[in-house]
């Protein structure tokens, strides 16, 4: 009886206080091992993770791959990688189509992608962008793409830049051919290209365009272009009216007959004749120009022109006439007295300077001819002249 009572007592619920129950429950929980989350065992592959997307793009089904490319819209870096490196044409072309708003990425594809179909697609997307077409025509690693870029250009200025700057002869030549009938573009290439052969090829295209040749002859920074222009214009000397062009031909042409004709056309233009005298390395052109200047001495009013005749003319009467017309112009007479290789001209110039002691003293210091220095010194040392000069200095 007692035993059954104890069992029933043990089986009955405890009437212990609340805090004791909480403590017992806490101990029980600490002893039990932690339960693992159910999702850790049953989680399915995430169809939207980027790792899964990468696997699809490399080895998925066609439709899955195209859908994956669509999901990458706006991610230019990834799309550019796909366009350049994917083994699947449809993936590459889909990637290019999604790069339509990123011309820089498209240009990189056109310049560096080893797949010609993908380069062609990228180039097509850029067909109206002159700046990127220029970049591709000059920089693409692939000849066909460079030439295709040139073929898409219609702007002469852009074509001229390719013809001038491209480091690749194929695109330079193709661009030059495209502007072969545009004198302004050819002139730009001939002047701007760092490649001598390109400059000369552009000049050939200008062989029948006289205004462009005259412009290059007068202002080109390249000596070989000016000489080439002079040669090309030689056949047209008798029809030319451009004084500057005739002057350059007279100075530069390698043909004596052409030089003679050009100088002869300048007989009414003394300043042009003076440029020939001072600028040509051909003695015949210089002497012809000087002869024409000497013949015109009675009509010359410019002191520099008259001084040139007085200093250089081989004709004594012309030298004398020029000096007579320089009376009162001390600076010009001083130049004659100091520089002329003709003694009679130096002596006459000193006589005209006899009342200008300051100029005479300059001759004493500056003339390279001893006889002229002594003559000037003798005039200044004359007692009357020297007394007057001392009075001026002493005040």
Protein backbone atom coordinates (compact mmCIF):
# COMPACT_ATOMS: atom_id res chain seq x y z
CA UNK A 1 0.00 0.00 0.00
CA UNK A 2 2.79 2.36 0.90
CA UNK A 3 4.60 1.42 -2.25
CA UNK A 4 1.67 2.30 -4.51
CA UNK A 5 1.32 5.56 -2.73
CA UNK A 6 4.93 6.48 -3.46
CA UNK A 7 4.51 5.64 -7.16
CA UNK A 8 1.40 7.68 -7.46
CA UNK A 9 3.09 10.49 -5.66
CA UNK A 10 5.99 10.43 -8.09
CA UNK A 11 3.69 10.33 -11.10
CA UNK A 12 1.67 13.31 -10.03
CA UNK A 13 2.59 16.72 -11.30
CA UNK A 14 4.91 18.65 -9.08
CA UNK A 15 3.49 21.63 -7.29
CA UNK A 16 6.95 23.32 -7.12
CA UNK A 17 7.08 27.05 -7.38
CA UNK A 18 7.38 28.91 -10.77
CA UNK A 19 11.08 29.93 -10.55
CA UNK A 20 12.14 26.35 -9.92
CA UNK A 21 10.29 25.16 -13.04
CA UNK A 22 11.96 27.82 -15.22
CA UNK A 23 15.37 26.83 -13.92
CA UNK A 24 14.70 23.14 -14.65
CA UNK A 25 13.53 23.97 -18.20
CA UNK A 26 16.65 26.03 -18.85
CA UNK A 27 18.91 23.16 -17.75
CA UNK A 28 17.06 20.76 -20.04
CA UNK A 29 17.49 23.03 -23.07
CA UNK A 30 21.20 23.41 -22.47
CA UNK A 31 21.65 19.64 -22.39
CA UNK A 32 19.82 19.06 -25.70
CA UNK A 33 21.96 19.33 -28.90
CA UNK A 34 21.05 22.32 -31.16
CA UNK A 35 18.71 21.55 -34.02
CA UNK A 36 19.96 22.28 -37.52
CA UNK A 37 17.80 24.50 -39.72
CA UNK A 38 15.78 22.47 -42.17
CA UNK A 39 16.83 24.78 -45.08
CA UNK A 40 20.45 23.77 -44.62
CA UNK A 41 19.56 20.28 -45.79
CA UNK A 42 16.89 21.02 -48.37
CA UNK A 43 17.96 24.30 -50.04
CA UNK A 44 17.58 24.07 -53.87
CA UNK A 45 20.12 25.67 -56.35
CA UNK A 46 19.45 29.44 -56.73
CA UNK A 47 18.49 29.96 -60.37
CA UNK A 48 19.12 33.72 -59.92
CA UNK A 49 22.64 33.60 -58.43
CA UNK A 50 25.52 35.00 -60.53
CA UNK A 51 27.49 31.78 -60.18
CA UNK A 52 24.59 29.90 -61.71
CA UNK A 53 24.30 32.60 -64.40
CA UNK A 54 27.98 32.17 -65.29
CA UNK A 55 27.51 28.41 -65.65
CA UNK A 56 24.54 28.95 -67.96
CA UNK A 57 26.49 31.40 -70.12
CA UNK A 58 29.28 28.86 -70.57
CA UNK A 59 27.37 25.58 -70.92
CA UNK A 60 23.61 26.18 -70.90
CA UNK A 61 20.96 25.66 -73.53
CA UNK A 62 20.62 28.30 -76.27
CA UNK A 63 17.44 29.83 -74.89
CA UNK A 64 18.80 29.83 -71.35
CA UNK A 65 21.97 31.53 -72.53
CA UNK A 66 20.09 34.24 -74.41
CA UNK A 67 17.89 34.84 -71.37
CA UNK A 68 21.02 35.09 -69.25
CA UNK A 69 22.47 37.69 -71.62
CA UNK A 70 19.21 39.65 -71.39
CA UNK A 71 19.54 39.65 -67.60
CA UNK A 72 22.94 41.35 -67.99
CA UNK A 73 21.53 44.36 -69.81
CA UNK A 74 23.26 47.48 -68.48
CA UNK A 75 26.33 45.57 -67.23
CA UNK A 76 28.72 46.76 -69.93
CA UNK A 77 31.84 45.19 -68.50
CA UNK A 78 30.33 41.69 -68.45
CA UNK A 79 28.73 42.16 -71.86
CA UNK A 80 32.04 43.28 -73.35
CA UNK A 81 33.72 40.17 -71.92
CA UNK A 82 31.05 37.98 -73.49
CA UNK A 83 31.39 39.76 -76.84
CA UNK A 84 35.14 39.20 -76.90
CA UNK A 85 35.54 35.76 -75.35
CA UNK A 86 32.34 33.70 -75.61
CA UNK A 87 32.63 30.65 -77.86
CA UNK A 88 29.01 31.02 -78.95
CA UNK A 89 28.29 33.41 -81.82
CA UNK A 90 24.69 34.05 -80.72
CA UNK A 91 25.94 35.03 -77.24
CA UNK A 92 28.55 37.39 -78.66
CA UNK A 93 26.12 39.10 -81.02
CA UNK A 94 23.44 39.38 -78.32
CA UNK A 95 26.01 40.98 -76.02
CA UNK A 96 26.96 43.49 -78.74
CA UNK A 97 23.30 44.42 -79.26
CA UNK A 98 23.00 45.21 -75.54
CA UNK A 99 26.07 47.50 -75.73
CA UNK A 100 24.34 49.95 -78.05
CA UNK A 101 24.46 52.68 -75.41
CA UNK A 102 28.13 52.21 -74.61
CA UNK A 103 30.14 53.29 -77.68
CA UNK A 104 33.45 53.04 -75.84
CA UNK A 105 32.86 49.35 -75.10
CA UNK A 106 31.74 48.75 -78.69
CA UNK A 107 34.90 50.42 -79.97
CA UNK A 108 37.02 48.14 -77.79
CA UNK A 109 35.20 45.11 -79.23
CA UNK A 110 35.80 46.38 -82.78
CA UNK A 111 39.48 47.00 -82.06
CA UNK A 112 40.43 43.90 -80.11
CA UNK A 113 37.88 41.07 -80.51
CA UNK A 114 39.35 38.14 -82.53
CA UNK A 115 35.94 37.20 -84.01
CA UNK A 116 35.31 39.02 -87.31
CA UNK A 117 31.50 38.63 -87.09
CA UNK A 118 31.47 40.28 -83.66
CA UNK A 119 33.77 43.10 -84.78
CA UNK A 120 31.53 43.71 -87.77
CA UNK A 121 28.45 43.85 -85.53
CA UNK A 122 30.13 46.31 -83.14
CA UNK A 123 31.27 48.45 -86.07
CA UNK A 124 27.74 48.49 -87.46
CA UNK A 125 26.46 49.82 -84.13
CA UNK A 126 29.00 52.67 -84.41
CA UNK A 127 28.41 53.44 -88.09
CA UNK A 128 27.19 57.00 -87.43
CA UNK A 129 29.78 57.95 -84.79
CA UNK A 130 32.65 59.74 -86.55
CA UNK A 131 34.93 59.93 -83.53
CA UNK A 132 34.84 56.19 -82.82
CA UNK A 133 35.10 55.29 -86.50
CA UNK A 134 38.26 57.40 -86.63
CA UNK A 135 39.61 55.62 -83.56
CA UNK A 136 38.86 52.17 -85.01
CA UNK A 137 40.26 53.01 -88.46
CA UNK A 138 43.53 54.07 -86.85
CA UNK A 139 43.75 51.61 -83.94
CA UNK A 140 42.00 48.31 -84.65
CA UNK A 141 44.31 45.30 -84.63
CA UNK A 142 42.52 43.89 -87.68
CA UNK A 143 42.99 45.10 -91.26
CA UNK A 144 39.44 44.24 -92.40
CA UNK A 145 37.91 46.23 -89.55
CA UNK A 146 40.15 49.23 -90.21
CA UNK A 147 39.17 49.26 -93.87
CA UNK A 148 35.49 48.75 -93.07
CA UNK A 149 35.62 51.70 -90.69
CA UNK A 150 37.08 53.87 -93.47
CA UNK A 151 34.35 52.72 -95.88
CA UNK A 152 31.68 53.86 -93.40
CA UNK A 153 33.07 57.42 -93.30
CA UNK A 154 31.61 60.17 -95.45
CA UNK A 155 33.03 63.27 -93.76
CA UNK A 156 36.13 64.59 -95.63
CA UNK A 157 37.66 66.01 -92.45
CA UNK A 158 37.50 62.66 -90.68
CA UNK A 159 38.92 60.87 -93.72
CA UNK A 160 41.72 63.44 -93.87
CA UNK A 161 42.57 62.71 -90.24
CA UNK A 162 42.81 58.98 -90.96
CA UNK A 163 44.93 59.60 -94.05
CA UNK A 164 47.20 61.89 -92.03
CA UNK A 165 47.51 60.11 -88.70
CA UNK A 166 46.82 56.40 -88.95
CA UNK A 167 49.91 54.32 -88.13
CA UNK A 168 48.60 51.68 -90.54
CA UNK A 169 49.36 52.17 -94.25
CA UNK A 170 46.24 50.27 -95.33
CA UNK A 171 43.77 52.66 -93.68
CA UNK A 172 45.86 55.70 -94.64
CA UNK A 173 45.82 54.71 -98.30
CA UNK A 174 42.13 53.84 -98.24
CA UNK A 175 41.23 57.19 -96.69
CA UNK A 176 43.47 59.07 -99.14
CA UNK A 177 41.72 57.35 -102.03
CA UNK A 178 38.34 58.40 -100.64
CA UNK A 179 39.34 62.10 -100.69
CA UNK A 180 41.24 62.02 -104.00
CA UNK A 181 38.83 64.54 -105.55
CA UNK A 182 38.69 66.91 -102.56
CA UNK A 183 41.47 69.54 -102.84
CA UNK A 184 40.86 71.02 -99.39
CA UNK A 185 41.17 67.62 -97.69
CA UNK A 186 44.25 66.70 -99.75
CA UNK A 187 45.90 70.00 -98.88
CA UNK A 188 45.22 69.33 -95.20
CA UNK A 189 46.80 65.87 -95.44
CA UNK A 190 49.84 67.16 -97.31
CA UNK A 191 50.43 69.78 -94.64
CA UNK A 192 49.55 67.81 -91.47
CA UNK A 193 50.71 64.24 -92.01
CA UNK A 194 53.94 63.24 -90.24
CA UNK A 195 54.56 60.70 -93.01
CA UNK A 196 56.58 62.14 -95.90
CA UNK A 197 55.28 59.59 -98.40
CA UNK A 198 51.68 60.45 -97.50
CA UNK A 199 52.40 64.16 -97.95
CA UNK A 200 53.89 63.57 -101.37
CA UNK A 201 51.02 61.27 -102.43
CA UNK A 202 48.55 63.96 -101.42
CA UNK A 203 50.53 66.46 -103.51
CA UNK A 204 50.13 64.22 -106.55
CA UNK A 205 46.38 64.42 -106.07
CA UNK A 206 46.68 68.22 -106.21
CA UNK A 207 48.77 68.31 -109.39
CA UNK A 208 46.00 69.93 -111.42
CA UNK A 209 44.59 72.20 -108.73
CA UNK A 210 46.49 75.48 -109.07
CA UNK A 211 44.98 77.40 -106.10
CA UNK A 212 45.87 74.62 -103.65
CA UNK A 213 49.37 74.33 -105.09
CA UNK A 214 49.87 78.09 -104.83
CA UNK A 215 48.75 78.00 -101.22
CA UNK A 216 51.21 75.23 -100.37
CA UNK A 217 53.99 76.92 -102.32
CA UNK A 218 53.54 80.11 -100.32
CA UNK A 219 52.80 78.86 -96.82
CA UNK A 220 53.76 75.20 -96.34
CA UNK A 221 56.04 74.46 -93.41
CA UNK A 222 57.61 71.57 -95.36
CA UNK A 223 60.42 72.63 -97.75
CA UNK A 224 59.96 69.55 -99.93
CA UNK A 225 56.29 70.45 -100.46
CA UNK A 226 57.15 73.98 -101.54
CA UNK A 227 59.69 72.60 -104.01
CA UNK A 228 57.23 70.01 -105.29
CA UNK A 229 54.55 72.67 -105.70
CA UNK A 230 57.01 74.84 -107.63
CA UNK A 231 57.71 71.92 -109.96
CA UNK A 232 54.01 71.18 -110.46
CA UNK A 233 53.28 74.84 -111.17
CA UNK A 234 56.16 75.25 -113.63
CA UNK A 235 53.95 74.47 -116.61
CA UNK A 236 51.51 77.20 -115.57
CA UNK A 237 53.92 80.08 -114.91
CA UNK A 238 52.72 82.13 -117.87
CA UNK A 239 49.13 81.88 -116.68
CA UNK A 240 49.75 82.64 -113.02
CA UNK A 241 48.71 86.00 -111.60
CA UNK A 242 49.52 85.26 -107.96
CA UNK A 243 52.54 87.45 -107.16
CA UNK A 244 53.52 85.47 -104.06
CA UNK A 245 53.39 82.20 -105.99
CA UNK A 246 55.49 83.63 -108.83
CA UNK A 247 58.01 84.89 -106.28
CA UNK A 248 58.37 81.45 -104.73
CA UNK A 249 58.72 79.79 -108.14
CA UNK A 250 61.42 82.29 -109.07
CA UNK A 251 63.25 81.46 -105.85
CA UNK A 252 62.77 77.68 -105.77
CA UNK A 253 62.29 76.23 -109.23
CA UNK A 254 65.10 73.96 -110.36
CA UNK A 255 64.54 74.96 -113.98
CA UNK A 256 66.46 78.06 -115.23
CA UNK A 257 63.84 78.70 -117.89
CA UNK A 258 61.02 78.60 -115.34
CA UNK A 259 62.93 80.89 -112.97
CA UNK A 260 63.52 83.35 -115.80
CA UNK A 261 59.86 83.38 -116.78
CA UNK A 262 58.72 83.80 -113.18
CA UNK A 263 61.10 86.72 -112.53
CA UNK A 264 60.02 88.34 -115.79
CA UNK A 265 56.37 88.21 -114.67
CA UNK A 266 57.36 90.22 -111.59
CA UNK A 267 58.76 93.30 -113.34
CA UNK A 268 55.93 95.47 -112.05
CA UNK A 269 56.39 94.26 -108.47
CA UNK A 270 59.65 95.63 -106.99
CA UNK A 271 59.03 94.24 -103.49
CA UNK A 272 58.64 90.75 -104.96
CA UNK A 273 61.85 91.25 -106.94
CA UNK A 274 63.60 92.22 -103.73
CA UNK A 275 62.45 88.94 -102.11
CA UNK A 276 63.92 87.03 -105.03
CA UNK A 277 67.22 88.89 -104.72
CA UNK A 278 67.52 88.12 -101.00
CA UNK A 279 65.90 84.68 -100.96
CA UNK A 280 67.08 82.61 -103.92
CA UNK A 281 70.15 80.42 -104.06
CA UNK A 282 70.26 80.66 -107.85
CA UNK A 283 72.59 83.36 -109.17
CA UNK A 284 70.70 83.72 -112.44
CA UNK A 285 67.41 84.46 -110.67
CA UNK A 286 69.13 86.94 -108.35
CA UNK A 287 70.88 88.82 -111.18
CA UNK A 288 67.72 88.97 -113.31
CA UNK A 289 65.67 90.32 -110.42
CA UNK A 290 68.39 92.86 -109.58
CA UNK A 291 68.55 93.98 -113.20
CA UNK A 292 64.78 94.61 -113.22
CA UNK A 293 65.03 96.53 -109.94
CA UNK A 294 67.88 98.62 -111.33
CA UNK A 295 65.88 99.45 -114.45
CA UNK A 296 63.02 100.67 -112.27
CA UNK A 297 65.17 102.89 -110.04
CA UNK A 298 63.65 106.13 -111.34
CA UNK A 299 60.23 104.94 -110.22
CA UNK A 300 61.19 103.62 -106.82
CA UNK A 301 60.19 105.60 -103.73
CA UNK A 302 60.96 103.10 -100.98
CA UNK A 303 64.27 103.74 -99.18
CA UNK A 304 65.00 100.04 -98.63
CA UNK A 305 64.51 99.25 -102.31
CA UNK A 306 66.74 102.16 -103.36
CA UNK A 307 69.38 101.09 -100.83
CA UNK A 308 69.35 97.56 -102.26
CA UNK A 309 69.97 98.93 -105.73
CA UNK A 310 72.74 101.21 -104.46
CA UNK A 311 74.39 98.33 -102.57
CA UNK A 312 73.94 95.48 -105.05
CA UNK A 313 73.30 96.71 -108.58
CA UNK A 314 76.10 95.89 -111.03
CA UNK A 315 75.23 99.03 -113.01
CA UNK A 316 77.11 102.16 -111.90
CA UNK A 317 74.57 104.61 -113.29
CA UNK A 318 71.76 102.82 -111.44
CA UNK A 319 73.74 102.89 -108.20
CA UNK A 320 74.34 106.59 -108.58
CA UNK A 321 70.70 107.29 -109.38
CA UNK A 322 69.58 105.33 -106.32
CA UNK A 323 71.97 107.24 -104.01
CA UNK A 324 70.84 110.60 -105.40
CA UNK A 325 67.26 109.64 -104.58
CA UNK A 326 68.34 108.76 -101.02
CA UNK A 327 69.66 112.25 -100.15
CA UNK A 328 68.28 113.25 -96.77
CA UNK A 329 67.70 109.65 -95.65
CA UNK A 330 70.68 109.08 -93.42
CA UNK A 331 69.82 105.53 -92.31
CA UNK A 332 69.65 104.28 -95.90
CA UNK A 333 72.83 106.15 -96.91
CA UNK A 334 74.60 104.75 -93.83
CA UNK A 335 73.61 101.24 -94.97
CA UNK A 336 75.04 101.90 -98.45
CA UNK A 337 78.28 103.34 -97.07
CA UNK A 338 78.72 100.38 -94.72
CA UNK A 339 77.68 97.47 -96.95
CA UNK A 340 78.07 98.18 -100.66
CA UNK A 341 80.80 96.14 -102.33
CA UNK A 342 81.24 98.96 -104.84
CA UNK A 343 83.72 101.63 -103.76
CA UNK A 344 82.10 104.36 -105.88
CA UNK A 345 78.75 103.77 -104.16
CA UNK A 346 80.30 103.88 -100.69
CA UNK A 347 82.21 107.06 -101.48
CA UNK A 348 79.19 108.82 -102.96
CA UNK A 349 77.06 107.81 -99.98
CA UNK A 350 79.68 109.34 -97.65
CA UNK A 351 79.60 112.58 -99.62
CA UNK A 352 75.83 112.74 -99.19
CA UNK A 353 76.33 112.20 -95.43
CA UNK A 354 78.96 114.94 -94.97
CA UNK A 355 76.58 117.11 -92.95
CA UNK A 356 75.53 114.23 -90.68
CA UNK A 357 78.49 113.79 -88.36
CA UNK A 358 76.70 111.22 -86.24
CA UNK A 359 76.13 108.99 -89.28
CA UNK A 360 79.75 109.46 -90.39
CA UNK A 361 81.00 108.34 -86.97
CA UNK A 362 78.78 105.26 -87.29
CA UNK A 363 80.45 104.51 -90.61
CA UNK A 364 83.83 104.73 -88.91
CA UNK A 365 82.68 102.06 -86.46
CA UNK A 366 80.52 99.85 -88.70
CA UNK A 367 81.88 99.73 -92.23
CA UNK A 368 83.78 96.54 -93.08
CA UNK A 369 85.81 98.45 -95.69
CA UNK A 370 88.93 100.18 -94.37
CA UNK A 371 89.05 102.75 -97.15
CA UNK A 372 85.50 103.86 -96.33
CA UNK A 373 86.24 104.01 -92.60
CA UNK A 374 89.28 106.19 -93.28
CA UNK A 375 87.31 108.44 -95.62
CA UNK A 376 84.56 108.92 -93.05
CA UNK A 377 87.15 109.57 -90.33
CA UNK A 378 88.86 112.18 -92.52
CA UNK A 379 85.57 114.04 -93.03
CA UNK A 380 84.79 114.07 -89.30
CA UNK A 381 88.38 115.10 -88.42
CA UNK A 382 88.26 118.13 -90.73
CA UNK A 383 88.95 121.14 -88.40
CA UNK A 384 85.77 122.98 -89.26
CA UNK A 385 83.59 119.87 -88.95
CA UNK A 386 85.29 118.71 -85.75
CA UNK A 387 85.09 122.20 -84.15
CA UNK A 388 81.38 122.30 -84.88
CA UNK A 389 80.93 118.82 -83.38
CA UNK A 390 82.88 119.74 -80.23
CA UNK A 391 80.75 122.86 -79.83
CA UNK A 392 77.63 120.70 -80.07
CA UNK A 393 78.93 118.25 -77.49
CA UNK A 394 80.08 120.98 -75.08
CA UNK A 395 76.76 122.72 -75.41
